[in-house]
Amino acid sequence: MPELLAGDPGRVLAVYAHPDDPDVSCGGTLASWSRRGAEVHVVICTSGDKGTTDAELSPALLAERRTAEARRAAQVVGVTGQHLLGHPDGELTEDAALRGELVALVRRLRPATVLCPDPTAVFFGEEYFNHRDHRVVGLCALDALAPAAALPHYFPEAGPPHRADTVLLSGTLAPNVWVDISHTIEDKVAAVSCHRSQFADEGDWAAEAVRLRAQEEGRQAGVAFAEGFRRLRLNT
């Protein structure tokens, strides 16, 4: 039987690469938890400065625009805190510097539940393969959580150790839990629609794509709309 997550997720930290990623990946889940009173924090690792086909649009202006879009989307979702690391698109590296930034955030915010991309999910049919920034963020987030953030001699300058209870990997090919977002699907649609720089074509195709994807996941979970995740338990 599909497992639907219920109960209090505790303090939540979502770690993603680009300004639109949290909303596309798990916006319905974050909105649902926020509505129930959870403290939801979002980390965005890049500025989004290269995410355009418009050669005339400067990276600096694009980054400014995407930051404003992310701020608006965070208000829709009900995010408690948004943490922008500001790295250039395409230049994230799976290294100690990025791990250290994430460890410091984990230790300061002390989440019970962490969401991030599934770095093992690379090929999705013939039409899409997972962006390098997504894969790097997924790997760095996992490495930051275990063992680094949980043990005192890793990054001792980053504060007292903290071990999260649960990791939920989004964009996965092997979901084992789902969150019912039937009551927040329109919040997700509204949040994704804030990212006009990414979904600027005329018509409402982005909103329709969001609903169709959530319906697909909902069918797997036995509800109207859902988001699926690969769950990892770290504190058992």
C-alpha atoms as a PDB file:
ATOM      1  CA  MET A   1       0.000   0.000   0.000  1.00  0.00           C
ATOM      2  CA  PRO A   2       1.309   3.524  -0.779  1.00  0.00           C
ATOM      3  CA  GLU A   3       2.353   5.365   2.363  1.00  0.00           C
ATOM      4  CA  LEU A   4       1.027   8.889   2.822  1.00  0.00           C
ATOM      5  CA  LEU A   5       3.041  10.995   5.237  1.00  0.00           C
ATOM      6  CA  ALA A   6       0.997  12.373   8.099  1.00  0.00           C
ATOM      7  CA  GLY A   7       1.736  14.101  11.361  1.00  0.00           C
ATOM      8  CA  ASP A   8       4.047  16.949  12.260  1.00  0.00           C
ATOM      9  CA  PRO A   9       7.235  17.080  10.159  1.00  0.00           C
ATOM     10  CA  GLY A  10       8.953  19.265  12.748  1.00  0.00           C
ATOM     11  CA  ARG A  11      11.141  22.125  11.589  1.00  0.00           C
ATOM     12  CA  VAL A  12      11.705  21.760   7.840  1.00  0.00           C
ATOM     13  CA  LEU A  13      14.666  22.647   5.619  1.00  0.00           C
ATOM     14  CA  ALA A  14      14.405  22.432   1.817  1.00  0.00           C
ATOM     15  CA  VAL A  15      17.736  22.644  -0.066  1.00  0.00           C
ATOM     16  CA  TYR A  16      17.624  23.277  -3.827  1.00  0.00           C
ATOM     17  CA  ALA A  17      19.756  24.655  -6.629  1.00  0.00           C
ATOM     18  CA  HIS A  18      17.733  27.291  -8.489  1.00  0.00           C
ATOM     19  CA  PRO A  19      15.137  29.881  -7.438  1.00  0.00           C
ATOM     20  CA  ASP A  20      12.178  27.953  -8.918  1.00  0.00           C
ATOM     21  CA  ASP A  21      13.294  24.468  -7.797  1.00  0.00           C
ATOM     22  CA  PRO A  22      11.648  24.326  -4.340  1.00  0.00           C
ATOM     23  CA  ASP A  23       8.261  25.326  -5.773  1.00  0.00           C
ATOM     24  CA  VAL A  24       8.431  22.926  -8.715  1.00  0.00           C
ATOM     25  CA  SER A  25       9.823  20.052  -6.613  1.00  0.00           C
ATOM     26  CA  CYS A  26       7.870  20.276  -3.379  1.00  0.00           C
ATOM     27  CA  GLY A  27       5.849  23.487  -3.266  1.00  0.00           C
ATOM     28  CA  GLY A  28       2.614  21.703  -2.418  1.00  0.00           C
ATOM     29  CA  THR A  29       4.225  19.828   0.457  1.00  0.00           C
ATOM     30  CA  LEU A  30       5.876  22.937   1.898  1.00  0.00           C
ATOM     31  CA  ALA A  31       2.599  24.862   1.644  1.00  0.00           C
ATOM     32  CA  SER A  32       0.701  22.044   3.342  1.00  0.00           C
ATOM     33  CA  TRP A  33       3.166  21.861   6.219  1.00  0.00           C
ATOM     34  CA  SER A  34       3.297  25.647   6.560  1.00  0.00           C
ATOM     35  CA  ARG A  35      -0.498  25.762   6.793  1.00  0.00           C
ATOM     36  CA  ARG A  36      -0.305  23.248   9.631  1.00  0.00           C
ATOM     37  CA  GLY A  37       2.112  25.471  11.541  1.00  0.00           C
ATOM     38  CA  ALA A  38       5.494  24.015  10.590  1.00  0.00           C
ATOM     39  CA  GLU A  39       8.549  26.263  10.461  1.00  0.00           C
ATOM     40  CA  VAL A  40       9.701  25.975   6.851  1.00  0.00           C
ATOM     41  CA  HIS A  41      13.119  27.174   5.684  1.00  0.00           C
ATOM     42  CA  VAL A  42      14.324  27.132   2.078  1.00  0.00           C
ATOM     43  CA  VAL A  43      17.926  27.259   0.843  1.00  0.00           C
ATOM     44  CA  ILE A  44      18.534  28.303  -2.778  1.00  0.00           C
ATOM     45  CA  CYS A  45      22.145  27.682  -3.767  1.00  0.00           C
ATOM     46  CA  THR A  46      22.429  29.643  -7.026  1.00  0.00           C
ATOM     47  CA  SER A  47      21.308  33.074  -8.130  1.00  0.00           C
ATOM     48  CA  GLY A  48      19.671  31.745 -11.306  1.00  0.00           C
ATOM     49  CA  ASP A  49      21.825  34.108 -13.365  1.00  0.00           C
ATOM     50  CA  LYS A  50      22.103  31.885 -16.462  1.00  0.00           C
ATOM     51  CA  GLY A  51      18.569  30.474 -16.681  1.00  0.00           C
ATOM     52  CA  THR A  52      17.401  32.163 -19.876  1.00  0.00           C
ATOM     53  CA  THR A  53      17.496  31.786 -23.651  1.00  0.00           C
ATOM     54  CA  ASP A  54      17.623  35.583 -24.039  1.00  0.00           C
ATOM     55  CA  ALA A  55      21.209  36.515 -24.900  1.00  0.00           C
ATOM     56  CA  GLU A  56      20.395  40.219 -24.444  1.00  0.00           C
ATOM     57  CA  LEU A  57      19.345  39.820 -20.804  1.00  0.00           C
ATOM     58  CA  SER A  58      22.305  40.379 -18.505  1.00  0.00           C
ATOM     59  CA  PRO A  59      23.067  37.749 -15.846  1.00  0.00           C
ATOM     60  CA  ALA A  60      22.962  40.411 -13.118  1.00  0.00           C
ATOM     61  CA  LEU A  61      19.490  41.602 -14.117  1.00  0.00           C
ATOM     62  CA  LEU A  62      18.238  38.040 -14.484  1.00  0.00           C
ATOM     63  CA  ALA A  63      19.538  37.142 -11.005  1.00  0.00           C
ATOM     64  CA  GLU A  64      17.788  40.186  -9.543  1.00  0.00           C
ATOM     65  CA  ARG A  65      14.542  39.261 -11.304  1.00  0.00           C
ATOM     66  CA  ARG A  66      14.718  35.643 -10.163  1.00  0.00           C
ATOM     67  CA  THR A  67      15.403  36.637  -6.570  1.00  0.00           C
ATOM     68  CA  ALA A  68      12.261  38.792  -6.600  1.00  0.00           C
ATOM     69  CA  GLU A  69      10.284  35.897  -8.108  1.00  0.00           C
ATOM     70  CA  ALA A  70      11.543  33.543  -5.395  1.00  0.00           C
ATOM     71  CA  ARG A  71      10.578  36.027  -2.689  1.00  0.00           C
ATOM     72  CA  ARG A  72       7.025  36.249  -4.049  1.00  0.00           C
ATOM     73  CA  ALA A  73       6.749  32.463  -4.324  1.00  0.00           C
ATOM     74  CA  ALA A  74       7.971  32.053  -0.729  1.00  0.00           C
ATOM     75  CA  GLN A  75       5.141  34.297   0.458  1.00  0.00           C
ATOM     76  CA  VAL A  76       2.618  32.144  -1.420  1.00  0.00           C
ATOM     77  CA  VAL A  77       3.981  28.926   0.103  1.00  0.00           C
ATOM     78  CA  GLY A  78       4.335  30.380   3.594  1.00  0.00           C
ATOM     79  CA  VAL A  79       8.091  30.018   3.974  1.00  0.00           C
ATOM     80  CA  THR A  80       9.478  31.104   7.354  1.00  0.00           C
ATOM     81  CA  GLY A  81      13.002  31.824   6.138  1.00  0.00           C
ATOM     82  CA  GLN A  82      14.619  31.928   2.697  1.00  0.00           C
ATOM     83  CA  HIS A  83      18.415  31.577   2.532  1.00  0.00           C
ATOM     84  CA  LEU A  84      20.077  32.617  -0.744  1.00  0.00           C
ATOM     85  CA  LEU A  85      23.660  31.439  -1.208  1.00  0.00           C
ATOM     86  CA  GLY A  86      24.096  33.293  -4.508  1.00  0.00           C
ATOM     87  CA  HIS A  87      26.452  30.970  -6.376  1.00  0.00           C
ATOM     88  CA  PRO A  88      26.552  31.318 -10.182  1.00  0.00           C
ATOM     89  CA  ASP A  89      24.507  28.837 -12.199  1.00  0.00           C
ATOM     90  CA  GLY A  90      26.483  25.871 -13.478  1.00  0.00           C
ATOM     91  CA  GLU A  91      29.420  26.456 -11.122  1.00  0.00           C
ATOM     92  CA  LEU A  92      28.302  24.513  -8.064  1.00  0.00           C
ATOM     93  CA  THR A  93      30.940  22.015  -7.021  1.00  0.00           C
ATOM     94  CA  GLU A  94      30.643  19.015  -4.783  1.00  0.00           C
ATOM     95  CA  ASP A  95      33.325  20.327  -2.446  1.00  0.00           C
ATOM     96  CA  ALA A  96      34.043  21.195   1.175  1.00  0.00           C
ATOM     97  CA  ALA A  97      33.093  24.848   0.672  1.00  0.00           C
ATOM     98  CA  LEU A  98      29.484  24.124  -0.316  1.00  0.00           C
ATOM     99  CA  ARG A  99      29.188  21.311   2.237  1.00  0.00           C
ATOM    100  CA  GLY A 100      30.408  23.723   4.903  1.00  0.00           C
ATOM    101  CA  GLU A 101      27.750  26.291   3.982  1.00  0.00           C
ATOM    102  CA  LEU A 102      25.043  23.650   4.211  1.00  0.00           C
ATOM    103  CA  VAL A 103      26.393  22.194   7.465  1.00  0.00           C
ATOM    104  CA  ALA A 104      26.321  25.679   9.018  1.00  0.00           C
ATOM    105  CA  LEU A 105      22.681  26.128   7.998  1.00  0.00           C
ATOM    106  CA  VAL A 106      21.670  22.686   9.242  1.00  0.00           C
ATOM    107  CA  ARG A 107      23.331  23.303  12.597  1.00  0.00           C
ATOM    108  CA  ARG A 108      21.838  26.786  12.942  1.00  0.00           C
ATOM    109  CA  LEU A 109      18.301  25.894  11.847  1.00  0.00           C
ATOM    110  CA  ARG A 110      18.285  22.348  13.340  1.00  0.00           C
ATOM    111  CA  PRO A 111      15.620  20.799  11.087  1.00  0.00           C
ATOM    112  CA  ALA A 112      13.908  17.498  11.797  1.00  0.00           C
ATOM    113  CA  THR A 113      13.017  17.002   8.126  1.00  0.00           C
ATOM    114  CA  VAL A 114      15.171  17.935   5.126  1.00  0.00           C
ATOM    115  CA  LEU A 115      14.101  17.930   1.473  1.00  0.00           C
ATOM    116  CA  CYS A 116      16.536  17.964  -1.444  1.00  0.00           C
ATOM    117  CA  PRO A 117      16.917  16.545  -4.976  1.00  0.00           C
ATOM    118  CA  ASP A 118      17.608  12.848  -5.493  1.00  0.00           C
ATOM    119  CA  PRO A 119      21.140  12.926  -6.976  1.00  0.00           C
ATOM    120  CA  THR A 120      20.824   9.345  -8.257  1.00  0.00           C
ATOM    121  CA  ALA A 121      17.901  10.208 -10.550  1.00  0.00           C
ATOM    122  CA  VAL A 122      19.549  11.202 -13.822  1.00  0.00           C
ATOM    123  CA  PHE A 123      17.616  10.016 -16.880  1.00  0.00           C
ATOM    124  CA  PHE A 124      13.864  10.585 -17.222  1.00  0.00           C
ATOM    125  CA  GLY A 125      12.830   8.862 -20.422  1.00  0.00           C
ATOM    126  CA  GLU A 126      14.140  10.302 -23.685  1.00  0.00           C
ATOM    127  CA  GLU A 127      13.191  13.915 -23.041  1.00  0.00           C
ATOM    128  CA  TYR A 128      14.998  15.036 -19.888  1.00  0.00           C
ATOM    129  CA  PHE A 129      18.096  14.352 -17.856  1.00  0.00           C
ATOM    130  CA  ASN A 130      18.774  15.873 -14.472  1.00  0.00           C
ATOM    131  CA  HIS A 131      20.655  19.174 -14.467  1.00  0.00           C
ATOM    132  CA  ARG A 132      24.173  19.060 -12.989  1.00  0.00           C
ATOM    133  CA  ASP A 133      23.359  21.714 -10.370  1.00  0.00           C
ATOM    134  CA  HIS A 134      20.490  19.538  -9.092  1.00  0.00           C
ATOM    135  CA  ARG A 135      22.743  16.511  -8.789  1.00  0.00           C
ATOM    136  CA  VAL A 136      25.504  18.451  -7.015  1.00  0.00           C
ATOM    137  CA  VAL A 137      23.078  19.996  -4.526  1.00  0.00           C
ATOM    138  CA  GLY A 138      21.530  16.613  -3.783  1.00  0.00           C
ATOM    139  CA  LEU A 139      24.911  15.015  -3.102  1.00  0.00           C
ATOM    140  CA  CYS A 140      26.204  17.934  -1.056  1.00  0.00           C
ATOM    141  CA  ALA A 141      23.027  18.109   1.012  1.00  0.00           C
ATOM    142  CA  LEU A 142      23.232  14.405   1.827  1.00  0.00           C
ATOM    143  CA  ASP A 143      26.934  14.603   2.663  1.00  0.00           C
ATOM    144  CA  ALA A 144      26.309  17.685   4.800  1.00  0.00           C
ATOM    145  CA  LEU A 145      23.601  15.874   6.753  1.00  0.00           C
ATOM    146  CA  ALA A 146      25.454  12.617   7.287  1.00  0.00           C
ATOM    147  CA  PRO A 147      27.969  12.436   8.624  1.00  0.00           C
ATOM    148  CA  ALA A 148      29.131  16.052   8.660  1.00  0.00           C
ATOM    149  CA  ALA A 149      26.413  18.033  10.490  1.00  0.00           C
ATOM    150  CA  ALA A 150      25.896  15.240  13.016  1.00  0.00           C
ATOM    151  CA  LEU A 151      29.517  14.849  14.171  1.00  0.00           C
ATOM    152  CA  PRO A 152      31.489  17.524  16.075  1.00  0.00           C
ATOM    153  CA  HIS A 153      34.849  17.238  14.332  1.00  0.00           C
ATOM    154  CA  TYR A 154      33.431  18.014  10.883  1.00  0.00           C
ATOM    155  CA  PHE A 155      33.355  21.791  10.382  1.00  0.00           C
ATOM    156  CA  PRO A 156      33.729  22.548  14.125  1.00  0.00           C
ATOM    157  CA  GLU A 157      33.433  26.277  13.384  1.00  0.00           C
ATOM    158  CA  ALA A 158      29.866  25.733  12.109  1.00  0.00           C
ATOM    159  CA  GLY A 159      28.309  25.273  15.546  1.00  0.00           C
ATOM    160  CA  PRO A 160      27.025  22.392  17.695  1.00  0.00           C
ATOM    161  CA  PRO A 161      26.249  19.131  15.844  1.00  0.00           C
ATOM    162  CA  HIS A 162      22.734  18.315  14.737  1.00  0.00           C
ATOM    163  CA  ARG A 163      21.279  15.137  13.254  1.00  0.00           C
ATOM    164  CA  ALA A 164      18.103  15.450  11.181  1.00  0.00           C
ATOM    165  CA  ASP A 165      15.537  12.674  11.528  1.00  0.00           C
ATOM    166  CA  THR A 166      14.345  12.321   7.942  1.00  0.00           C
ATOM    167  CA  VAL A 167      15.426  13.207   4.408  1.00  0.00           C
ATOM    168  CA  LEU A 168      12.899  13.345   1.571  1.00  0.00           C
ATOM    169  CA  LEU A 169      14.426  13.169  -1.901  1.00  0.00           C
ATOM    170  CA  SER A 170      12.336  14.832  -4.591  1.00  0.00           C
ATOM    171  CA  GLY A 171      12.523  14.259  -8.335  1.00  0.00           C
ATOM    172  CA  THR A 172      13.157  10.605  -7.606  1.00  0.00           C
ATOM    173  CA  LEU A 173      12.651   7.527  -9.743  1.00  0.00           C
ATOM    174  CA  ALA A 174      12.011   5.438  -6.626  1.00  0.00           C
ATOM    175  CA  PRO A 175       9.386   7.162  -4.451  1.00  0.00           C
ATOM    176  CA  ASN A 176       8.388   5.285  -1.310  1.00  0.00           C
ATOM    177  CA  VAL A 177       6.264   7.946   0.425  1.00  0.00           C
ATOM    178  CA  TRP A 178       3.847  10.611  -0.754  1.00  0.00           C
ATOM    179  CA  VAL A 179       2.358  13.816   0.616  1.00  0.00           C
ATOM    180  CA  ASP A 180      -1.278  14.586  -0.160  1.00  0.00           C
ATOM    181  CA  ILE A 181      -1.331  18.109  -1.629  1.00  0.00           C
ATOM    182  CA  SER A 182      -4.980  18.068  -2.693  1.00  0.00           C
ATOM    183  CA  HIS A 183      -5.667  21.093  -0.468  1.00  0.00           C
ATOM    184  CA  THR A 184      -2.554  23.020  -1.578  1.00  0.00           C
ATOM    185  CA  ILE A 185      -2.279  22.226  -5.300  1.00  0.00           C
ATOM    186  CA  GLU A 186      -3.401  25.743  -6.176  1.00  0.00           C
ATOM    187  CA  ASP A 187      -0.795  27.175  -3.794  1.00  0.00           C
ATOM    188  CA  LYS A 188       1.817  25.176  -5.702  1.00  0.00           C
ATOM    189  CA  VAL A 189       0.460  26.400  -9.028  1.00  0.00           C
ATOM    190  CA  ALA A 190       0.528  29.995  -7.784  1.00  0.00           C
ATOM    191  CA  ALA A 191       4.084  29.646  -6.459  1.00  0.00           C
ATOM    192  CA  VAL A 192       5.385  28.138  -9.707  1.00  0.00           C
ATOM    193  CA  SER A 193       3.580  30.861 -11.650  1.00  0.00           C
ATOM    194  CA  CYS A 194       5.609  33.493  -9.783  1.00  0.00           C
ATOM    195  CA  HIS A 195       8.662  32.414 -11.794  1.00  0.00           C
ATOM    196  CA  ARG A 196       7.711  34.284 -14.936  1.00  0.00           C
ATOM    197  CA  SER A 197      11.307  34.419 -16.173  1.00  0.00           C
ATOM    198  CA  GLN A 198      11.221  30.628 -16.478  1.00  0.00           C
ATOM    199  CA  PHE A 199       7.643  30.130 -17.672  1.00  0.00           C
ATOM    200  CA  ALA A 200       7.064  33.230 -19.788  1.00  0.00           C
ATOM    201  CA  ASP A 201       5.303  31.656 -22.777  1.00  0.00           C
ATOM    202  CA  GLU A 202       1.773  32.779 -23.408  1.00  0.00           C
ATOM    203  CA  GLY A 203      -0.956  30.577 -22.018  1.00  0.00           C
ATOM    204  CA  ASP A 204      -1.130  28.627 -18.785  1.00  0.00           C
ATOM    205  CA  TRP A 205       0.935  25.596 -19.804  1.00  0.00           C
ATOM    206  CA  ALA A 206       3.139  25.675 -16.677  1.00  0.00           C
ATOM    207  CA  ALA A 207       0.135  25.611 -14.356  1.00  0.00           C
ATOM    208  CA  GLU A 208      -1.406  22.783 -16.347  1.00  0.00           C
ATOM    209  CA  ALA A 209       1.862  20.824 -16.276  1.00  0.00           C
ATOM    210  CA  VAL A 210       2.037  21.225 -12.481  1.00  0.00           C
ATOM    211  CA  ARG A 211      -1.500  19.933 -12.048  1.00  0.00           C
ATOM    212  CA  LEU A 212      -0.978  16.994 -14.408  1.00  0.00           C
ATOM    213  CA  ARG A 213       2.214  15.924 -12.661  1.00  0.00           C
ATOM    214  CA  ALA A 214       0.568  16.140  -9.242  1.00  0.00           C
ATOM    215  CA  GLN A 215      -2.403  14.141 -10.543  1.00  0.00           C
ATOM    216  CA  GLU A 216      -0.007  11.472 -11.802  1.00  0.00           C
ATOM    217  CA  GLU A 217       1.635  11.230  -8.388  1.00  0.00           C
ATOM    218  CA  GLY A 218      -1.779  11.325  -6.755  1.00  0.00           C
ATOM    219  CA  ARG A 219      -2.855   8.238  -8.667  1.00  0.00           C
ATOM    220  CA  GLN A 220       0.109   6.351  -7.218  1.00  0.00           C
ATOM    221  CA  ALA A 221      -0.842   7.463  -3.709  1.00  0.00           C
ATOM    222  CA  GLY A 222      -4.605   7.087  -4.018  1.00  0.00           C
ATOM    223  CA  VAL A 223      -5.436  10.797  -3.630  1.00  0.00           C
ATOM    224  CA  ALA A 224      -6.349  13.607  -6.012  1.00  0.00           C
ATOM    225  CA  PHE A 225      -2.956  15.366  -6.004  1.00  0.00           C
ATOM    226  CA  ALA A 226       0.346  14.356  -4.407  1.00  0.00           C
ATOM    227  CA  GLU A 227       4.111  14.792  -4.385  1.00  0.00           C
ATOM    228  CA  GLY A 228       6.295  11.687  -4.116  1.00  0.00           C
ATOM    229  CA  PHE A 229       9.621  11.325  -2.322  1.00  0.00           C
ATOM    230  CA  ARG A 230      12.266   8.746  -1.555  1.00  0.00           C
ATOM    231  CA  ARG A 231      12.496   8.723   2.245  1.00  0.00           C
ATOM    232  CA  LEU A 232      15.719   8.172   4.147  1.00  0.00           C
ATOM    233  CA  ARG A 233      15.677   7.763   7.932  1.00  0.00           C
ATOM    234  CA  LEU A 234      18.800   9.162   9.592  1.00  0.00           C
ATOM    235  CA  ASN A 235      17.908   9.035  13.257  1.00  0.00           C
ATOM    236  CA  THR A 236      16.877   5.425  13.801  1.00  0.00           C
END
